PDB file of all heavy atoms in Angstrom:
ATOM      1  N   ASN A   1      90.736 114.674 102.378  1.00  0.00           N
ATOM      2  CA  ASN A   1      89.454 114.962 101.744  1.00  0.00           C
ATOM      3  C   ASN A   1      88.610 113.687 101.654  1.00  0.00           C
ATOM      4  O   ASN A   1      87.411 113.707 101.922  1.00  0.00           O
ATOM      5  CB  ASN A   1      89.691 115.574 100.367  1.00  0.00           C
ATOM      6  CG  ASN A   1      88.580 116.489  99.941  1.00  0.00           C
ATOM      7  OD1 ASN A   1      88.062 117.261 100.729  1.00  0.00           O
ATOM      8  ND2 ASN A   1      88.218 116.403  98.676  1.00  0.00           N
ATOM      9  N   ASP A   2      89.246 112.591 101.288  1.00  0.00           N
ATOM     10  CA  ASP A   2      88.548 111.305 101.190  1.00  0.00           C
ATOM     11  C   ASP A   2      88.052 110.812 102.552  1.00  0.00           C
ATOM     12  O   ASP A   2      87.066 110.087 102.627  1.00  0.00           O
ATOM     13  CB  ASP A   2      89.458 110.235 100.584  1.00  0.00           C
ATOM     14  CG  ASP A   2      89.768 110.472  99.123  1.00  0.00           C
ATOM     15  OD1 ASP A   2      89.080 111.294  98.484  1.00  0.00           O
ATOM     16  OD2 ASP A   2      90.722 109.838  98.617  1.00  0.00           O
ATOM     17  N   LEU A   3      88.739 111.201 103.618  1.00  0.00           N
ATOM     18  CA  LEU A   3      88.429 110.711 104.966  1.00  0.00           C
ATOM     19  C   LEU A   3      87.748 111.764 105.837  1.00  0.00           C
ATOM     20  O   LEU A   3      87.622 111.594 107.044  1.00  0.00           O
ATOM     21  CB  LEU A   3      89.727 110.231 105.638  1.00  0.00           C
ATOM     22  CG  LEU A   3      90.416 109.071 104.923  1.00  0.00           C
ATOM     23  CD1 LEU A   3      91.838 108.901 105.432  1.00  0.00           C
ATOM     24  CD2 LEU A   3      89.624 107.789 105.068  1.00  0.00           C
ATOM     25  N   GLN A   4      87.230 112.813 105.221  1.00  0.00           N
ATOM     26  CA  GLN A   4      86.694 113.946 105.972  1.00  0.00           C
ATOM     27  C   GLN A   4      85.457 113.633 106.797  1.00  0.00           C
ATOM     28  O   GLN A   4      85.108 114.378 107.711  1.00  0.00           O
ATOM     29  CB  GLN A   4      86.394 115.108 105.024  1.00  0.00           C
ATOM     30  CG  GLN A   4      85.268 114.824 104.054  1.00  0.00           C
ATOM     31  CD  GLN A   4      85.049 115.989 103.130  1.00  0.00           C
ATOM     32  OE1 GLN A   4      84.649 117.051 103.580  1.00  0.00           O
ATOM     33  NE2 GLN A   4      85.323 115.794 101.854  1.00  0.00           N
ATOM     34  N   ASP A   5      84.782 112.535 106.528  1.00  0.00           N
ATOM     35  CA  ASP A   5      83.572 112.206 107.277  1.00  0.00           C
ATOM     36  C   ASP A   5      83.863 111.608 108.651  1.00  0.00           C
ATOM     37  O   ASP A   5      82.944 111.437 109.453  1.00  0.00           O
ATOM     38  CB  ASP A   5      82.682 111.271 106.460  1.00  0.00           C
ATOM     39  CG  ASP A   5      82.155 111.956 105.217  1.00  0.00           C
ATOM     40  OD1 ASP A   5      81.760 113.138 105.311  1.00  0.00           O
ATOM     41  OD2 ASP A   5      82.153 111.327 104.146  1.00  0.00           O
ATOM     42  N   PHE A   6      85.124 111.324 108.917  1.00  0.00           N
ATOM     43  CA  PHE A   6      85.504 110.833 110.238  1.00  0.00           C
ATOM     44  C   PHE A   6      85.817 112.020 111.138  1.00  0.00           C
ATOM     45  O   PHE A   6      86.420 112.993 110.707  1.00  0.00           O
ATOM     46  CB  PHE A   6      86.720 109.894 110.153  1.00  0.00           C
ATOM     47  CG  PHE A   6      86.395 108.606 109.482  1.00  0.00           C
ATOM     48  CD1 PHE A   6      86.695 108.407 108.146  1.00  0.00           C
ATOM     49  CD2 PHE A   6      85.761 107.585 110.180  1.00  0.00           C
ATOM     50  CE1 PHE A   6      86.374 107.223 107.514  1.00  0.00           C
ATOM     51  CE2 PHE A   6      85.435 106.401 109.556  1.00  0.00           C
ATOM     52  CZ  PHE A   6      85.741 106.214 108.220  1.00  0.00           C
ATOM     53  N   HIS A   7      85.410 111.912 112.376  1.00  0.00           N
ATOM     54  CA  HIS A   7      85.669 112.974 113.352  1.00  0.00           C
ATOM     55  C   HIS A   7      87.106 112.803 113.864  1.00  0.00           C
ATOM     56  O   HIS A   7      87.339 112.198 114.905  1.00  0.00           O
ATOM     57  CB  HIS A   7      84.659 112.890 114.497  1.00  0.00           C
ATOM     58  CG  HIS A   7      84.803 113.979 115.495  1.00  0.00           C
ATOM     59  ND1 HIS A   7      84.524 115.289 115.205  1.00  0.00           N
ATOM     60  CD2 HIS A   7      85.222 113.957 116.777  1.00  0.00           C
ATOM     61  CE1 HIS A   7      84.751 116.018 116.277  1.00  0.00           C
ATOM     62  NE2 HIS A   7      85.183 115.231 117.240  1.00  0.00           N
ATOM     63  N   THR A   8      88.046 113.298 113.075  1.00  0.00           N
ATOM     64  CA  THR A   8      89.463 113.147 113.402  1.00  0.00           C
ATOM     65  C   THR A   8      90.176 114.484 113.303  1.00  0.00           C
ATOM     66  O   THR A   8      89.750 115.375 112.570  1.00  0.00           O
ATOM     67  CB  THR A   8      90.172 112.172 112.436  1.00  0.00           C
ATOM     68  OG1 THR A   8      90.005 112.658 111.106  1.00  0.00           O
ATOM     69  CG2 THR A   8      89.629 110.774 112.538  1.00  0.00           C
ATOM     70  N   LYS A   9      91.274 114.575 114.020  1.00  0.00           N
ATOM     71  CA  LYS A   9      92.168 115.712 113.853  1.00  0.00           C
ATOM     72  C   LYS A   9      93.110 115.347 112.711  1.00  0.00           C
ATOM     73  O   LYS A   9      93.538 114.191 112.604  1.00  0.00           O
ATOM     74  CB  LYS A   9      92.941 115.965 115.145  1.00  0.00           C
ATOM     75  CG  LYS A   9      92.041 116.295 116.325  1.00  0.00           C
ATOM     76  CD  LYS A   9      92.875 116.366 117.598  1.00  0.00           C
ATOM     77  CE  LYS A   9      92.009 116.099 118.782  1.00  0.00           C
ATOM     78  NZ  LYS A   9      92.150 114.781 119.363  1.00  0.00           N
ATOM     79  N   MET A  10      93.436 116.301 111.869  1.00  0.00           N
ATOM     80  CA  MET A  10      94.283 116.044 110.705  1.00  0.00           C
ATOM     81  C   MET A  10      95.430 117.039 110.686  1.00  0.00           C
ATOM     82  O   MET A  10      95.202 118.249 110.801  1.00  0.00           O
ATOM     83  CB  MET A  10      93.463 116.161 109.424  1.00  0.00           C
ATOM     84  CG  MET A  10      92.305 115.211 109.344  1.00  0.00           C
ATOM     85  SD  MET A  10      91.284 115.540 107.888  1.00  0.00           S
ATOM     86  CE  MET A  10      90.048 114.266 108.056  1.00  0.00           C
ATOM     87  N   TYR A  11      96.641 116.507 110.531  1.00  0.00           N
ATOM     88  CA  TYR A  11      97.831 117.354 110.566  1.00  0.00           C
ATOM     89  C   TYR A  11      98.736 117.080 109.375  1.00  0.00           C
ATOM     90  O   TYR A  11      98.917 115.933 108.987  1.00  0.00           O
ATOM     91  CB  TYR A  11      98.653 117.094 111.839  1.00  0.00           C
ATOM     92  CG  TYR A  11      97.895 117.390 113.107  1.00  0.00           C
ATOM     93  CD1 TYR A  11      97.184 116.386 113.761  1.00  0.00           C
ATOM     94  CD2 TYR A  11      97.885 118.672 113.644  1.00  0.00           C
ATOM     95  CE1 TYR A  11      96.488 116.654 114.928  1.00  0.00           C
ATOM     96  CE2 TYR A  11      97.187 118.949 114.812  1.00  0.00           C
ATOM     97  CZ  TYR A  11      96.495 117.933 115.447  1.00  0.00           C
ATOM     98  OH  TYR A  11      95.794 118.199 116.598  1.00  0.00           O
ATOM     99  N   ILE A  12      99.303 118.155 108.850  1.00  0.00           N
ATOM    100  CA  ILE A  12     100.412 118.067 107.911  1.00  0.00           C
ATOM    101  C   ILE A  12     101.643 118.478 108.717  1.00  0.00           C
ATOM    102  O   ILE A  12     101.690 119.584 109.260  1.00  0.00           O
ATOM    103  CB  ILE A  12     100.243 119.010 106.701  1.00  0.00           C
ATOM    104  CG1 ILE A  12      98.972 118.674 105.911  1.00  0.00           C
ATOM    105  CG2 ILE A  12     101.495 118.998 105.823  1.00  0.00           C
ATOM    106  CD1 ILE A  12      99.004 117.356 105.184  1.00  0.00           C
ATOM    107  N   VAL A  13     102.606 117.577 108.821  1.00  0.00           N
ATOM    108  CA  VAL A  13     103.834 117.835 109.570  1.00  0.00           C
ATOM    109  C   VAL A  13     104.948 118.027 108.553  1.00  0.00           C
ATOM    110  O   VAL A  13     105.180 117.162 107.714  1.00  0.00           O
ATOM    111  CB  VAL A  13     104.163 116.658 110.516  1.00  0.00           C
ATOM    112  CG1 VAL A  13     105.433 116.952 111.306  1.00  0.00           C
ATOM    113  CG2 VAL A  13     102.989 116.354 111.446  1.00  0.00           C
ATOM    114  N   ALA A  14     105.609 119.176 108.637  1.00  0.00           N
ATOM    115  CA  ALA A  14     106.658 119.491 107.657  1.00  0.00           C
ATOM    116  C   ALA A  14     107.575 120.575 108.206  1.00  0.00           C
ATOM    117  O   ALA A  14     107.309 121.173 109.250  1.00  0.00           O
ATOM    118  CB  ALA A  14     106.036 119.952 106.340  1.00  0.00           C
ATOM    119  N   ASP A  15     108.629 120.826 107.458  1.00  0.00           N
ATOM    120  CA  ASP A  15     109.534 121.914 107.784  1.00  0.00           C
ATOM    121  C   ASP A  15     108.783 123.236 107.703  1.00  0.00           C
ATOM    122  O   ASP A  15     107.911 123.411 106.838  1.00  0.00           O
ATOM    123  CB  ASP A  15     110.708 121.908 106.797  1.00  0.00           C
ATOM    124  CG  ASP A  15     111.800 122.862 107.208  1.00  0.00           C
ATOM    125  OD1 ASP A  15     111.620 124.083 107.016  1.00  0.00           O
ATOM    126  OD2 ASP A  15     112.833 122.377 107.705  1.00  0.00           O
ATOM    127  N   LYS A  16     109.094 124.155 108.579  1.00  0.00           N
ATOM    128  CA  LYS A  16     108.444 125.476 108.613  1.00  0.00           C
ATOM    129  C   LYS A  16     108.494 126.166 107.250  1.00  0.00           C
ATOM    130  O   LYS A  16     107.567 126.876 106.867  1.00  0.00           O
ATOM    131  CB  LYS A  16     109.128 126.342 109.686  1.00  0.00           C
ATOM    132  CG  LYS A  16     108.573 127.723 109.838  1.00  0.00           C
ATOM    133  CD  LYS A  16     107.261 127.698 110.561  1.00  0.00           C
ATOM    134  CE  LYS A  16     106.799 129.117 110.882  1.00  0.00           C
ATOM    135  NZ  LYS A  16     105.375 129.170 111.115  1.00  0.00           N
ATOM    136  N   ARG A  17     109.553 125.912 106.484  1.00  0.00           N
ATOM    137  CA  ARG A  17     109.687 126.541 105.164  1.00  0.00           C
ATOM    138  C   ARG A  17     108.598 126.091 104.195  1.00  0.00           C
ATOM    139  O   ARG A  17     108.380 126.735 103.173  1.00  0.00           O
ATOM    140  CB  ARG A  17     111.063 126.227 104.566  1.00  0.00           C
ATOM    141  CG  ARG A  17     112.203 126.876 105.350  1.00  0.00           C
ATOM    142  CD  ARG A  17     113.521 126.480 104.778  1.00  0.00           C
ATOM    143  NE  ARG A  17     113.698 125.036 104.965  1.00  0.00           N
ATOM    144  CZ  ARG A  17     114.845 124.416 105.055  1.00  0.00           C
ATOM    145  NH1 ARG A  17     115.957 125.079 104.929  1.00  0.00           N
ATOM    146  NH2 ARG A  17     114.913 123.117 105.245  1.00  0.00           N
ATOM    147  N   ARG A  18     107.887 125.009 104.501  1.00  0.00           N
ATOM    148  CA  ARG A  18     106.832 124.528 103.604  1.00  0.00           C
ATOM    149  C   ARG A  18     105.445 125.003 104.002  1.00  0.00           C
ATOM    150  O   ARG A  18     104.449 124.654 103.363  1.00  0.00           O
ATOM    151  CB  ARG A  18     106.868 122.992 103.541  1.00  0.00           C
ATOM    152  CG  ARG A  18     108.170 122.487 102.913  1.00  0.00           C
ATOM    153  CD  ARG A  18     108.105 121.045 102.567  1.00  0.00           C
ATOM    154  NE  ARG A  18     107.237 120.840 101.411  1.00  0.00           N
ATOM    155  CZ  ARG A  18     106.841 119.639 100.999  1.00  0.00           C
ATOM    156  NH1 ARG A  18     107.242 118.549 101.605  1.00  0.00           N
ATOM    157  NH2 ARG A  18     106.048 119.524  99.956  1.00  0.00           N
ATOM    158  N   GLU A  19     105.356 125.805 105.040  1.00  0.00           N
ATOM    159  CA  GLU A  19     104.037 126.249 105.510  1.00  0.00           C
ATOM    160  C   GLU A  19     103.298 127.073 104.452  1.00  0.00           C
ATOM    161  O   GLU A  19     102.097 126.887 104.242  1.00  0.00           O
ATOM    162  CB  GLU A  19     104.152 127.048 106.803  1.00  0.00           C
ATOM    163  CG  GLU A  19     102.798 127.382 107.382  1.00  0.00           C
ATOM    164  CD  GLU A  19     102.866 127.981 108.775  1.00  0.00           C
ATOM    165  OE1 GLU A  19     103.967 128.289 109.263  1.00  0.00           O
ATOM    166  OE2 GLU A  19     101.787 128.140 109.374  1.00  0.00           O
ATOM    167  N   GLU A  20     103.990 127.966 103.773  1.00  0.00           N
ATOM    168  CA  GLU A  20     103.343 128.759 102.729  1.00  0.00           C
ATOM    169  C   GLU A  20     102.816 127.854 101.613  1.00  0.00           C
ATOM    170  O   GLU A  20     101.707 128.057 101.101  1.00  0.00           O
ATOM    171  CB  GLU A  20     104.312 129.792 102.158  1.00  0.00           C
ATOM    172  CG  GLU A  20     103.666 130.702 101.137  1.00  0.00           C
ATOM    173  CD  GLU A  20     104.609 131.790 100.628  1.00  0.00           C
ATOM    174  OE1 GLU A  20     105.668 132.026 101.230  1.00  0.00           O
ATOM    175  OE2 GLU A  20     104.254 132.394  99.605  1.00  0.00           O
ATOM    176  N   GLU A  21     103.598 126.856 101.238  1.00  0.00           N
ATOM    177  CA  GLU A  21     103.154 125.887 100.228  1.00  0.00           C
ATOM    178  C   GLU A  21     101.878 125.187 100.699  1.00  0.00           C
ATOM    179  O   GLU A  21     100.936 125.002  99.921  1.00  0.00           O
ATOM    180  CB  GLU A  21     104.263 124.854  99.982  1.00  0.00           C
ATOM    181  CG  GLU A  21     103.869 123.735  99.043  1.00  0.00           C
ATOM    182  CD  GLU A  21     104.901 122.621  98.969  1.00  0.00           C
ATOM    183  OE1 GLU A  21     105.976 122.726  99.597  1.00  0.00           O
ATOM    184  OE2 GLU A  21     104.615 121.632  98.278  1.00  0.00           O
ATOM    185  N   PHE A  22     101.838 124.793 101.978  1.00  0.00           N
ATOM    186  CA  PHE A  22     100.641 124.166 102.538  1.00  0.00           C
ATOM    187  C   PHE A  22      99.427 125.070 102.364  1.00  0.00           C
ATOM    188  O   PHE A  22      98.389 124.649 101.864  1.00  0.00           O
ATOM    189  CB  PHE A  22     100.850 123.840 104.020  1.00  0.00           C
ATOM    190  CG  PHE A  22      99.567 123.570 104.764  1.00  0.00           C
ATOM    191  CD1 PHE A  22      98.907 122.363 104.622  1.00  0.00           C
ATOM    192  CD2 PHE A  22      99.008 124.544 105.587  1.00  0.00           C
ATOM    193  CE1 PHE A  22      97.715 122.115 105.301  1.00  0.00           C
ATOM    194  CE2 PHE A  22      97.822 124.308 106.263  1.00  0.00           C
ATOM    195  CZ  PHE A  22      97.173 123.099 106.122  1.00  0.00           C
ATOM    196  N   TRP A  23      99.549 126.337 102.782  1.00  0.00           N
ATOM    197  CA  TRP A  23      98.403 127.251 102.713  1.00  0.00           C
ATOM    198  C   TRP A  23      97.982 127.510 101.269  1.00  0.00           C
ATOM    199  O   TRP A  23      96.785 127.625 100.987  1.00  0.00           O
ATOM    200  CB  TRP A  23      98.706 128.558 103.436  1.00  0.00           C
ATOM    201  CG  TRP A  23      98.716 128.364 104.921  1.00  0.00           C
ATOM    202  CD1 TRP A  23      99.792 128.428 105.764  1.00  0.00           C
ATOM    203  CD2 TRP A  23      97.598 128.012 105.746  1.00  0.00           C
ATOM    204  NE1 TRP A  23      99.411 128.145 107.051  1.00  0.00           N
ATOM    205  CE2 TRP A  23      98.062 127.896 107.077  1.00  0.00           C
ATOM    206  CE3 TRP A  23      96.251 127.788 105.492  1.00  0.00           C
ATOM    207  CZ2 TRP A  23      97.225 127.566 108.134  1.00  0.00           C
ATOM    208  CZ3 TRP A  23      95.422 127.462 106.554  1.00  0.00           C
ATOM    209  CH2 TRP A  23      95.909 127.347 107.850  1.00  0.00           C
ATOM    210  N   ASN A  24      98.929 127.579 100.350  1.00  0.00           N
ATOM    211  CA  ASN A  24      98.591 127.770  98.935  1.00  0.00           C
ATOM    212  C   ASN A  24      97.806 126.582  98.391  1.00  0.00           C
ATOM    213  O   ASN A  24      96.820 126.758  97.672  1.00  0.00           O
ATOM    214  CB  ASN A  24      99.858 127.996  98.108  1.00  0.00           C
ATOM    215  CG  ASN A  24     100.473 129.350  98.358  1.00  0.00           C
ATOM    216  OD1 ASN A  24      99.805 130.281  98.795  1.00  0.00           O
ATOM    217  ND2 ASN A  24     101.769 129.464  98.096  1.00  0.00           N
ATOM    218  N   LYS A  25      98.217 125.383  98.732  1.00  0.00           N
ATOM    219  CA  LYS A  25      97.517 124.192  98.238  1.00  0.00           C
ATOM    220  C   LYS A  25      96.200 123.968  98.968  1.00  0.00           C
ATOM    221  O   LYS A  25      95.227 123.520  98.375  1.00  0.00           O
ATOM    222  CB  LYS A  25      98.432 122.982  98.327  1.00  0.00           C
ATOM    223  CG  LYS A  25      99.584 123.107  97.351  1.00  0.00           C
ATOM    224  CD  LYS A  25     100.461 121.912  97.293  1.00  0.00           C
ATOM    225  CE  LYS A  25     101.507 122.155  96.196  1.00  0.00           C
ATOM    226  NZ  LYS A  25     102.358 121.010  95.975  1.00  0.00           N
ATOM    227  N   PHE A  26      96.176 124.297 100.249  1.00  0.00           N
ATOM    228  CA  PHE A  26      94.953 124.149 101.029  1.00  0.00           C
ATOM    229  C   PHE A  26      93.869 125.097 100.533  1.00  0.00           C
ATOM    230  O   PHE A  26      92.687 124.863 100.749  1.00  0.00           O
ATOM    231  CB  PHE A  26      95.258 124.387 102.509  1.00  0.00           C
ATOM    232  CG  PHE A  26      94.216 123.878 103.467  1.00  0.00           C
ATOM    233  CD1 PHE A  26      93.537 122.695 103.253  1.00  0.00           C
ATOM    234  CD2 PHE A  26      93.930 124.592 104.619  1.00  0.00           C
ATOM    235  CE1 PHE A  26      92.584 122.225 104.143  1.00  0.00           C
ATOM    236  CE2 PHE A  26      92.983 124.138 105.525  1.00  0.00           C
ATOM    237  CZ  PHE A  26      92.310 122.951 105.286  1.00  0.00           C
ATOM    238  N   ALA A  27      94.255 126.138  99.830  1.00  0.00           N
ATOM    239  CA  ALA A  27      93.301 127.113  99.284  1.00  0.00           C
ATOM    240  C   ALA A  27      92.589 126.607  98.030  1.00  0.00           C
ATOM    241  O   ALA A  27      91.632 127.232  97.570  1.00  0.00           O
ATOM    242  CB  ALA A  27      94.020 128.422  98.984  1.00  0.00           C
ATOM    243  N   TYR A  28      93.011 125.475  97.453  1.00  0.00           N
ATOM    244  CA  TYR A  28      92.351 124.930  96.261  1.00  0.00           C
ATOM    245  C   TYR A  28      90.871 124.713  96.558  1.00  0.00           C
ATOM    246  O   TYR A  28      90.497 124.269  97.654  1.00  0.00           O
ATOM    247  CB  TYR A  28      92.963 123.603  95.832  1.00  0.00           C
ATOM    248  CG  TYR A  28      94.386 123.641  95.337  1.00  0.00           C
ATOM    249  CD1 TYR A  28      95.062 122.452  95.101  1.00  0.00           C
ATOM    250  CD2 TYR A  28      95.082 124.827  95.100  1.00  0.00           C
ATOM    251  CE1 TYR A  28      96.375 122.443  94.636  1.00  0.00           C
ATOM    252  CE2 TYR A  28      96.382 124.830  94.639  1.00  0.00           C
ATOM    253  CZ  TYR A  28      97.031 123.628  94.411  1.00  0.00           C
ATOM    254  OH  TYR A  28      98.322 123.627  93.965  1.00  0.00           O
ATOM    255  N   ALA A  29      90.043 124.951  95.588  1.00  0.00           N
ATOM    256  CA  ALA A  29      88.593 124.800  95.750  1.00  0.00           C
ATOM    257  C   ALA A  29      88.194 123.390  96.160  1.00  0.00           C
ATOM    258  O   ALA A  29      87.219 123.203  96.892  1.00  0.00           O
ATOM    259  CB  ALA A  29      87.886 125.187  94.452  1.00  0.00           C
ATOM    260  N   SER A  30      88.941 122.391  95.732  1.00  0.00           N
ATOM    261  CA  SER A  30      88.595 121.006  96.069  1.00  0.00           C
ATOM    262  C   SER A  30      88.706 120.721  97.564  1.00  0.00           C
ATOM    263  O   SER A  30      88.142 119.746  98.057  1.00  0.00           O
ATOM    264  CB  SER A  30      89.454 120.021  95.278  1.00  0.00           C
ATOM    265  OG  SER A  30      90.821 120.257  95.516  1.00  0.00           O
ATOM    266  N   PHE A  31      89.409 121.585  98.318  1.00  0.00           N
ATOM    267  CA  PHE A  31      89.563 121.387  99.758  1.00  0.00           C
ATOM    268  C   PHE A  31      88.732 122.379 100.567  1.00  0.00           C
ATOM    269  O   PHE A  31      88.952 122.563 101.758  1.00  0.00           O
ATOM    270  CB  PHE A  31      91.038 121.484 100.155  1.00  0.00           C
ATOM    271  CG  PHE A  31      91.932 120.552  99.383  1.00  0.00           C
ATOM    272  CD1 PHE A  31      93.047 121.033  98.723  1.00  0.00           C
ATOM    273  CD2 PHE A  31      91.646 119.200  99.286  1.00  0.00           C
ATOM    274  CE1 PHE A  31      93.867 120.188  98.000  1.00  0.00           C
ATOM    275  CE2 PHE A  31      92.454 118.342  98.568  1.00  0.00           C
ATOM    276  CZ  PHE A  31      93.569 118.831  97.921  1.00  0.00           C
ATOM    277  N   GLU A  32      87.761 123.019  99.919  1.00  0.00           N
ATOM    278  CA  GLU A  32      86.982 124.078 100.563  1.00  0.00           C
ATOM    279  C   GLU A  32      86.305 123.614 101.850  1.00  0.00           C
ATOM    280  O   GLU A  32      86.324 124.320 102.858  1.00  0.00           O
ATOM    281  CB  GLU A  32      85.939 124.639  99.602  1.00  0.00           C
ATOM    282  CG  GLU A  32      85.095 125.756 100.196  1.00  0.00           C
ATOM    283  CD  GLU A  32      85.934 126.926 100.719  1.00  0.00           C
ATOM    284  OE1 GLU A  32      86.948 127.276 100.115  1.00  0.00           O
ATOM    285  OE2 GLU A  32      85.551 127.487 101.766  1.00  0.00           O
ATOM    286  N   LYS A  33      85.717 122.423 101.844  1.00  0.00           N
ATOM    287  CA  LYS A  33      85.025 121.952 103.055  1.00  0.00           C
ATOM    288  C   LYS A  33      86.016 121.730 104.189  1.00  0.00           C
ATOM    289  O   LYS A  33      85.756 122.125 105.332  1.00  0.00           O
ATOM    290  CB  LYS A  33      84.231 120.681 102.777  1.00  0.00           C
ATOM    291  CG  LYS A  33      83.410 120.249 103.975  1.00  0.00           C
ATOM    292  CD  LYS A  33      82.473 119.119 103.680  1.00  0.00           C
ATOM    293  CE  LYS A  33      81.687 118.793 104.944  1.00  0.00           C
ATOM    294  NZ  LYS A  33      80.996 117.546 104.868  1.00  0.00           N
ATOM    295  N   LEU A  34      87.143 121.113 103.894  1.00  0.00           N
ATOM    296  CA  LEU A  34      88.168 120.919 104.923  1.00  0.00           C
ATOM    297  C   LEU A  34      88.631 122.261 105.483  1.00  0.00           C
ATOM    298  O   LEU A  34      88.821 122.415 106.686  1.00  0.00           O
ATOM    299  CB  LEU A  34      89.377 120.162 104.360  1.00  0.00           C
ATOM    300  CG  LEU A  34      89.198 118.688 104.036  1.00  0.00           C
ATOM    301  CD1 LEU A  34      90.443 118.144 103.352  1.00  0.00           C
ATOM    302  CD2 LEU A  34      88.894 117.896 105.299  1.00  0.00           C
ATOM    303  N   LYS A  35      88.793 123.232 104.597  1.00  0.00           N
ATOM    304  CA  LYS A  35      89.266 124.552 105.014  1.00  0.00           C
ATOM    305  C   LYS A  35      88.196 125.280 105.819  1.00  0.00           C
ATOM    306  O   LYS A  35      88.475 125.826 106.888  1.00  0.00           O
ATOM    307  CB  LYS A  35      89.674 125.381 103.801  1.00  0.00           C
ATOM    308  CG  LYS A  35      90.304 126.694 104.175  1.00  0.00           C
ATOM    309  CD  LYS A  35      90.787 127.452 102.971  1.00  0.00           C
ATOM    310  CE  LYS A  35      91.364 128.780 103.407  1.00  0.00           C
ATOM    311  NZ  LYS A  35      91.677 129.637 102.299  1.00  0.00           N
ATOM    312  N   SER A  36      86.960 125.293 105.343  1.00  0.00           N
ATOM    313  CA  SER A  36      85.897 126.035 106.025  1.00  0.00           C
ATOM    314  C   SER A  36      85.606 125.461 107.411  1.00  0.00           C
ATOM    315  O   SER A  36      85.188 126.189 108.305  1.00  0.00           O
ATOM    316  CB  SER A  36      84.618 126.060 105.183  1.00  0.00           C
ATOM    317  OG  SER A  36      84.039 124.774 105.109  1.00  0.00           O
ATOM    318  N   GLU A  37      85.840 124.181 107.590  1.00  0.00           N
ATOM    319  CA  GLU A  37      85.620 123.535 108.889  1.00  0.00           C
ATOM    320  C   GLU A  37      86.899 123.475 109.728  1.00  0.00           C
ATOM    321  O   GLU A  37      86.904 122.864 110.789  1.00  0.00           O
ATOM    322  CB  GLU A  37      85.045 122.134 108.682  1.00  0.00           C
ATOM    323  CG  GLU A  37      83.664 122.153 108.058  1.00  0.00           C
ATOM    324  CD  GLU A  37      83.101 120.767 107.799  1.00  0.00           C
ATOM    325  OE1 GLU A  37      83.781 119.757 108.098  1.00  0.00           O
ATOM    326  OE2 GLU A  37      81.969 120.691 107.299  1.00  0.00           O
TER     327      GLU A  37
END
């Protein structure tokens, strides 16, 4: 979120079992711009 103004690809690398946790946290309103883009 702090680095969103850079034209970069961003990845969270984790065990497949954590994917649901990723999507739940990515849904927070504070990450709306990252999510919408």
